[in-house]
Amino acid sequence: MQILVGLGNPGSRYAGNRHNIGFMVLDAIAREHRAAPWRRRFQSEAAEAVIGGERALLLKPQTYMNDSGRAVGEAARFFKTGLEAITVFHDELDLKEGKLRVKMGGGNAGHNGLRSISAHLGNEYRRVRLGIGHPGDKNLVYPYVLSDFFKEEWPWVKDLVAACAEFAALLVKGEDSSFQNKVHLAMQAKGWGETAPQAG
């Protein structure tokens, strides 16, 4: 069983936040791959789908971001899933808006959701880093990630989320660089080029 995790905070007040782009990706994957209905499992909203011929559990932890590891750990233990079969989609301050990078393991760069998962499971899981840009001042980071995307940002957000869903099978098959390249080309084809529009 592959486990695809989207990070975010539960509840309607957070739904449009930059911090919730991981949830947005999971919703798009569920639609694209005709997942079963979402239901409460593993302290999460969970749904199963077949992606690239593989069974996959889609997981949106409802524990709040800082405690995401409890939910992911519970699901991983239930299915006896190794870290190599866990993929986490999360917002990334250190990437420009609309950019994406995939990496296995590595540091958590101050991201509390990743820190929680690593504390519960270890570090060697796949991360899909979804660029949201940086507000330019570390003192502004907290309000920035917990505020909604601006109206003019939504076109690239929707295109990035849709591309992740379209090419999710490549991640499930372990073809990380192909996934990253396909998403990059899809964003270029939509006209985002080397830089997505800046927040403003």
C-alpha atoms as a PDB file:
ATOM      1  CA  MET A   1       0.000   0.000   0.000  1.00  0.00           C
ATOM      2  CA  GLN A   2       1.334   3.412  -0.992  1.00  0.00           C
ATOM      3  CA  ILE A   3       0.443   6.250   1.372  1.00  0.00           C
ATOM      4  CA  LEU A   4       0.058   9.733  -0.095  1.00  0.00           C
ATOM      5  CA  VAL A   5      -0.173  12.408   2.587  1.00  0.00           C
ATOM      6  CA  GLY A   6      -1.251  16.012   2.162  1.00  0.00           C
ATOM      7  CA  LEU A   7      -0.360  18.392   4.965  1.00  0.00           C
ATOM      8  CA  GLY A   8      -2.697  21.121   6.179  1.00  0.00           C
ATOM      9  CA  ASN A   9      -4.954  22.195   9.013  1.00  0.00           C
ATOM     10  CA  PRO A  10      -8.543  20.931   9.342  1.00  0.00           C
ATOM     11  CA  GLY A  11     -11.618  23.129   9.111  1.00  0.00           C
ATOM     12  CA  SER A  12     -13.068  25.660   6.689  1.00  0.00           C
ATOM     13  CA  ARG A  13     -11.193  28.634   8.170  1.00  0.00           C
ATOM     14  CA  TYR A  14      -7.886  27.156   6.951  1.00  0.00           C
ATOM     15  CA  ALA A  15      -9.084  25.740   3.627  1.00  0.00           C
ATOM     16  CA  GLY A  16      -7.584  28.452   1.398  1.00  0.00           C
ATOM     17  CA  ASN A  17      -4.354  28.931   3.397  1.00  0.00           C
ATOM     18  CA  ARG A  18      -0.929  28.589   1.795  1.00  0.00           C
ATOM     19  CA  HIS A  19      -0.165  26.032   4.531  1.00  0.00           C
ATOM     20  CA  ASN A  20      -2.997  23.856   3.153  1.00  0.00           C
ATOM     21  CA  ILE A  21      -1.737  23.341  -0.383  1.00  0.00           C
ATOM     22  CA  GLY A  22      -0.993  19.710   0.543  1.00  0.00           C
ATOM     23  CA  PHE A  23      -4.695  19.132   1.265  1.00  0.00           C
ATOM     24  CA  MET A  24      -5.528  20.755  -2.088  1.00  0.00           C
ATOM     25  CA  VAL A  25      -3.274  18.297  -3.913  1.00  0.00           C
ATOM     26  CA  LEU A  26      -4.857  15.302  -2.163  1.00  0.00           C
ATOM     27  CA  ASP A  27      -8.351  16.509  -3.100  1.00  0.00           C
ATOM     28  CA  ALA A  28      -7.255  16.795  -6.733  1.00  0.00           C
ATOM     29  CA  ILE A  29      -5.664  13.321  -6.709  1.00  0.00           C
ATOM     30  CA  ALA A  30      -8.869  11.878  -5.251  1.00  0.00           C
ATOM     31  CA  ARG A  31     -10.910  13.425  -8.077  1.00  0.00           C
ATOM     32  CA  GLU A  32      -8.462  12.525 -10.840  1.00  0.00           C
ATOM     33  CA  HIS A  33      -8.116   8.888  -9.779  1.00  0.00           C
ATOM     34  CA  ARG A  34     -11.734   8.338  -8.704  1.00  0.00           C
ATOM     35  CA  ALA A  35     -10.934   7.534  -5.103  1.00  0.00           C
ATOM     36  CA  ALA A  36     -13.503   6.026  -2.784  1.00  0.00           C
ATOM     37  CA  PRO A  37     -15.364   8.563  -0.606  1.00  0.00           C
ATOM     38  CA  TRP A  38     -13.400  10.246   2.168  1.00  0.00           C
ATOM     39  CA  ARG A  39     -14.014   8.807   5.645  1.00  0.00           C
ATOM     40  CA  ARG A  40     -12.564   9.228   9.099  1.00  0.00           C
ATOM     41  CA  ARG A  41      -9.678   6.819   9.714  1.00  0.00           C
ATOM     42  CA  PHE A  42      -6.254   7.117  11.314  1.00  0.00           C
ATOM     43  CA  GLN A  43      -7.137  10.527  12.846  1.00  0.00           C
ATOM     44  CA  SER A  44      -7.493  11.703   9.254  1.00  0.00           C
ATOM     45  CA  GLU A  45      -9.753  12.111   6.293  1.00  0.00           C
ATOM     46  CA  ALA A  46      -8.776   8.989   4.330  1.00  0.00           C
ATOM     47  CA  ALA A  47      -9.696   7.555   0.939  1.00  0.00           C
ATOM     48  CA  GLU A  48      -8.392   4.651  -1.120  1.00  0.00           C
ATOM     49  CA  ALA A  49      -7.642   4.724  -4.834  1.00  0.00           C
ATOM     50  CA  VAL A  50      -5.802   2.745  -7.469  1.00  0.00           C
ATOM     51  CA  ILE A  51      -3.065   4.899  -8.971  1.00  0.00           C
ATOM     52  CA  GLY A  52      -0.747   3.556 -11.656  1.00  0.00           C
ATOM     53  CA  GLY A  53      -1.995   0.063 -10.914  1.00  0.00           C
ATOM     54  CA  GLU A  54      -1.065   0.351  -7.227  1.00  0.00           C
ATOM     55  CA  ARG A  55      -3.340   0.607  -4.198  1.00  0.00           C
ATOM     56  CA  ALA A  56      -2.904   3.944  -2.510  1.00  0.00           C
ATOM     57  CA  LEU A  57      -4.211   5.443   0.704  1.00  0.00           C
ATOM     58  CA  LEU A  58      -4.843   9.186   0.490  1.00  0.00           C
ATOM     59  CA  LEU A  59      -4.452  10.819   3.884  1.00  0.00           C
ATOM     60  CA  LYS A  60      -5.307  14.321   5.125  1.00  0.00           C
ATOM     61  CA  PRO A  61      -4.395  14.352   8.847  1.00  0.00           C
ATOM     62  CA  GLN A  62      -7.005  16.101  11.021  1.00  0.00           C
ATOM     63  CA  THR A  63      -4.625  16.489  13.964  1.00  0.00           C
ATOM     64  CA  TYR A  64      -3.499  19.996  12.973  1.00  0.00           C
ATOM     65  CA  MET A  65      -0.197  20.477  11.208  1.00  0.00           C
ATOM     66  CA  ASN A  66       2.099  20.233  14.231  1.00  0.00           C
ATOM     67  CA  ASP A  67       0.832  16.747  15.122  1.00  0.00           C
ATOM     68  CA  SER A  68       0.638  15.227  11.622  1.00  0.00           C
ATOM     69  CA  GLY A  69       3.015  12.421  12.543  1.00  0.00           C
ATOM     70  CA  ARG A  70       0.471  10.769  14.857  1.00  0.00           C
ATOM     71  CA  ALA A  71      -1.937  10.225  11.958  1.00  0.00           C
ATOM     72  CA  VAL A  72       0.679   9.172   9.404  1.00  0.00           C
ATOM     73  CA  GLY A  73       2.319   6.832  11.905  1.00  0.00           C
ATOM     74  CA  GLU A  74      -0.984   5.155  12.710  1.00  0.00           C
ATOM     75  CA  ALA A  75      -1.729   4.490   9.026  1.00  0.00           C
ATOM     76  CA  ALA A  76       1.818   3.286   8.307  1.00  0.00           C
ATOM     77  CA  ARG A  77       1.715   0.813  11.187  1.00  0.00           C
ATOM     78  CA  PHE A  78      -1.719  -0.477  10.171  1.00  0.00           C
ATOM     79  CA  PHE A  79      -0.610  -1.244   6.604  1.00  0.00           C
ATOM     80  CA  LYS A  80       2.985  -2.115   7.583  1.00  0.00           C
ATOM     81  CA  THR A  81       4.122   0.465   5.048  1.00  0.00           C
ATOM     82  CA  GLY A  82       7.821   1.252   4.739  1.00  0.00           C
ATOM     83  CA  LEU A  83       9.066   4.832   4.522  1.00  0.00           C
ATOM     84  CA  GLU A  84       9.937   4.408   0.838  1.00  0.00           C
ATOM     85  CA  ALA A  85       6.192   4.021   0.087  1.00  0.00           C
ATOM     86  CA  ILE A  86       5.159   7.233   1.893  1.00  0.00           C
ATOM     87  CA  THR A  87       4.905  10.505  -0.045  1.00  0.00           C
ATOM     88  CA  VAL A  88       4.163  13.803   1.725  1.00  0.00           C
ATOM     89  CA  PHE A  89       2.934  16.901  -0.157  1.00  0.00           C
ATOM     90  CA  HIS A  90       3.688  20.134   1.701  1.00  0.00           C
ATOM     91  CA  ASP A  91       4.109  23.878   1.287  1.00  0.00           C
ATOM     92  CA  GLU A  92       7.692  25.087   0.835  1.00  0.00           C
ATOM     93  CA  LEU A  93       8.757  28.646   1.667  1.00  0.00           C
ATOM     94  CA  ASP A  94      12.181  28.243   0.060  1.00  0.00           C
ATOM     95  CA  LEU A  95      10.804  27.613  -3.444  1.00  0.00           C
ATOM     96  CA  LYS A  96       9.324  30.262  -5.710  1.00  0.00           C
ATOM     97  CA  GLU A  97       5.576  30.255  -6.161  1.00  0.00           C
ATOM     98  CA  GLY A  98       4.474  27.458  -8.498  1.00  0.00           C
ATOM     99  CA  LYS A  99       7.760  25.552  -8.350  1.00  0.00           C
ATOM    100  CA  LEU A 100       7.995  21.925  -7.248  1.00  0.00           C
ATOM    101  CA  ARG A 101      10.809  19.663  -6.085  1.00  0.00           C
ATOM    102  CA  VAL A 102      10.803  16.014  -5.037  1.00  0.00           C
ATOM    103  CA  LYS A 103      13.319  14.577  -2.632  1.00  0.00           C
ATOM    104  CA  MET A 104      13.719  11.492  -0.489  1.00  0.00           C
ATOM    105  CA  GLY A 105      14.650  12.223   3.099  1.00  0.00           C
ATOM    106  CA  GLY A 106      16.591  15.304   4.107  1.00  0.00           C
ATOM    107  CA  GLY A 107      15.953  18.073   6.596  1.00  0.00           C
ATOM    108  CA  ASN A 108      12.629  19.570   7.604  1.00  0.00           C
ATOM    109  CA  ALA A 109      13.562  23.245   7.056  1.00  0.00           C
ATOM    110  CA  GLY A 110      11.519  24.331  10.056  1.00  0.00           C
ATOM    111  CA  HIS A 111       8.305  22.779   8.734  1.00  0.00           C
ATOM    112  CA  ASN A 112       6.387  21.536  11.774  1.00  0.00           C
ATOM    113  CA  GLY A 113       4.347  18.982   9.844  1.00  0.00           C
ATOM    114  CA  LEU A 114       7.490  17.316   8.501  1.00  0.00           C
ATOM    115  CA  ARG A 115       9.161  17.538  11.906  1.00  0.00           C
ATOM    116  CA  SER A 116       6.234  15.663  13.469  1.00  0.00           C
ATOM    117  CA  ILE A 117       6.244  12.935  10.812  1.00  0.00           C
ATOM    118  CA  SER A 118      10.011  12.476  11.117  1.00  0.00           C
ATOM    119  CA  ALA A 119       9.708  12.243  14.915  1.00  0.00           C
ATOM    120  CA  HIS A 120       7.155   9.429  14.601  1.00  0.00           C
ATOM    121  CA  LEU A 121       8.538   7.520  11.618  1.00  0.00           C
ATOM    122  CA  GLY A 122      12.069   8.579  10.760  1.00  0.00           C
ATOM    123  CA  ASN A 123      13.282  10.812   7.966  1.00  0.00           C
ATOM    124  CA  GLU A 124      13.563   8.707   4.804  1.00  0.00           C
ATOM    125  CA  TYR A 125      10.171   9.321   3.211  1.00  0.00           C
ATOM    126  CA  ARG A 126       9.480  11.159  -0.044  1.00  0.00           C
ATOM    127  CA  ARG A 127       8.622  14.868   0.134  1.00  0.00           C
ATOM    128  CA  VAL A 128       6.956  16.799  -2.667  1.00  0.00           C
ATOM    129  CA  ARG A 129       7.851  20.414  -1.941  1.00  0.00           C
ATOM    130  CA  LEU A 130       5.251  22.826  -3.321  1.00  0.00           C
ATOM    131  CA  GLY A 131       6.654  26.331  -3.662  1.00  0.00           C
ATOM    132  CA  ILE A 132       4.619  29.111  -2.065  1.00  0.00           C
ATOM    133  CA  GLY A 133       7.382  31.743  -1.952  1.00  0.00           C
ATOM    134  CA  HIS A 134       8.682  33.604   1.082  1.00  0.00           C
ATOM    135  CA  PRO A 135       7.262  36.833   2.550  1.00  0.00           C
ATOM    136  CA  GLY A 136      10.810  38.227   2.757  1.00  0.00           C
ATOM    137  CA  ASP A 137      10.996  38.550   6.538  1.00  0.00           C
ATOM    138  CA  LYS A 138      11.146  35.571   8.899  1.00  0.00           C
ATOM    139  CA  ASN A 139       8.894  37.454  11.337  1.00  0.00           C
ATOM    140  CA  LEU A 140       6.146  37.402   8.714  1.00  0.00           C
ATOM    141  CA  VAL A 141       6.316  33.659   7.990  1.00  0.00           C
ATOM    142  CA  TYR A 142       3.652  32.555  10.484  1.00  0.00           C
ATOM    143  CA  PRO A 143       0.916  34.962   9.321  1.00  0.00           C
ATOM    144  CA  TYR A 144       1.957  34.378   5.686  1.00  0.00           C
ATOM    145  CA  VAL A 145       1.482  30.600   5.693  1.00  0.00           C
ATOM    146  CA  LEU A 146      -1.774  30.894   7.660  1.00  0.00           C
ATOM    147  CA  SER A 147      -3.282  33.421   5.251  1.00  0.00           C
ATOM    148  CA  ASP A 148      -5.157  32.573   2.067  1.00  0.00           C
ATOM    149  CA  PHE A 149      -3.608  32.703  -1.369  1.00  0.00           C
ATOM    150  CA  PHE A 150      -4.336  36.032  -3.043  1.00  0.00           C
ATOM    151  CA  LYS A 151      -6.966  36.049  -5.783  1.00  0.00           C
ATOM    152  CA  GLU A 152      -4.299  36.530  -8.473  1.00  0.00           C
ATOM    153  CA  GLU A 153      -2.335  33.508  -7.181  1.00  0.00           C
ATOM    154  CA  TRP A 154      -5.156  30.983  -7.561  1.00  0.00           C
ATOM    155  CA  PRO A 155      -4.567  30.295 -11.302  1.00  0.00           C
ATOM    156  CA  TRP A 156      -1.044  28.949 -10.741  1.00  0.00           C
ATOM    157  CA  VAL A 157      -2.117  27.165  -7.534  1.00  0.00           C
ATOM    158  CA  LYS A 158      -4.868  25.330  -9.417  1.00  0.00           C
ATOM    159  CA  ASP A 159      -2.543  24.462 -12.298  1.00  0.00           C
ATOM    160  CA  LEU A 160       0.157  23.130  -9.958  1.00  0.00           C
ATOM    161  CA  VAL A 161      -2.353  21.072  -7.973  1.00  0.00           C
ATOM    162  CA  ALA A 162      -3.889  19.660 -11.173  1.00  0.00           C
ATOM    163  CA  ALA A 163      -0.476  18.686 -12.577  1.00  0.00           C
ATOM    164  CA  CYS A 164       0.414  16.843  -9.348  1.00  0.00           C
ATOM    165  CA  ALA A 165      -2.824  14.865  -9.646  1.00  0.00           C
ATOM    166  CA  GLU A 166      -2.372  14.127 -13.341  1.00  0.00           C
ATOM    167  CA  PHE A 167       1.116  12.673 -12.914  1.00  0.00           C
ATOM    168  CA  ALA A 168       0.717  11.070  -9.461  1.00  0.00           C
ATOM    169  CA  ALA A 169       1.193   7.578 -10.945  1.00  0.00           C
ATOM    170  CA  LEU A 170       4.851   8.402 -11.595  1.00  0.00           C
ATOM    171  CA  LEU A 171       5.411   9.019  -7.873  1.00  0.00           C
ATOM    172  CA  VAL A 172       3.683   5.765  -6.960  1.00  0.00           C
ATOM    173  CA  LYS A 173       6.044   3.957  -9.367  1.00  0.00           C
ATOM    174  CA  GLY A 174       9.079   5.674  -7.841  1.00  0.00           C
ATOM    175  CA  GLU A 175       9.777   7.755 -10.949  1.00  0.00           C
ATOM    176  CA  ASP A 176      10.425  10.936  -9.000  1.00  0.00           C
ATOM    177  CA  SER A 177      12.473  12.816 -11.591  1.00  0.00           C
ATOM    178  CA  SER A 178       9.942  12.041 -14.325  1.00  0.00           C
ATOM    179  CA  PHE A 179       7.144  13.349 -12.100  1.00  0.00           C
ATOM    180  CA  GLN A 180       9.064  16.524 -11.355  1.00  0.00           C
ATOM    181  CA  ASN A 181       9.866  17.090 -15.045  1.00  0.00           C
ATOM    182  CA  LYS A 182       6.288  16.443 -16.187  1.00  0.00           C
ATOM    183  CA  VAL A 183       4.898  18.917 -13.653  1.00  0.00           C
ATOM    184  CA  HIS A 184       7.506  21.500 -14.658  1.00  0.00           C
ATOM    185  CA  LEU A 185       6.622  21.118 -18.352  1.00  0.00           C
ATOM    186  CA  ALA A 186       2.899  21.286 -17.576  1.00  0.00           C
ATOM    187  CA  MET A 187       3.413  24.558 -15.704  1.00  0.00           C
ATOM    188  CA  GLN A 188       5.475  25.955 -18.591  1.00  0.00           C
ATOM    189  CA  ALA A 189       2.756  24.951 -21.045  1.00  0.00           C
ATOM    190  CA  LYS A 190       0.258  26.939 -18.960  1.00  0.00           C
ATOM    191  CA  GLY A 191       2.482  29.983 -19.376  1.00  0.00           C
ATOM    192  CA  TRP A 192       4.128  30.124 -15.961  1.00  0.00           C
ATOM    193  CA  GLY A 193       7.609  29.738 -17.399  1.00  0.00           C
ATOM    194  CA  GLU A 194      10.534  30.199 -15.065  1.00  0.00           C
ATOM    195  CA  THR A 195       8.633  32.268 -12.529  1.00  0.00           C
ATOM    196  CA  ALA A 196       5.073  32.142 -11.342  1.00  0.00           C
ATOM    197  CA  PRO A 197       3.411  35.474 -10.571  1.00  0.00           C
ATOM    198  CA  GLN A 198       4.602  37.056  -7.374  1.00  0.00           C
ATOM    199  CA  ALA A 199       2.305  37.513  -4.415  1.00  0.00           C
ATOM    200  CA  GLY A 200       1.160  41.074  -4.047  1.00  0.00           C
END
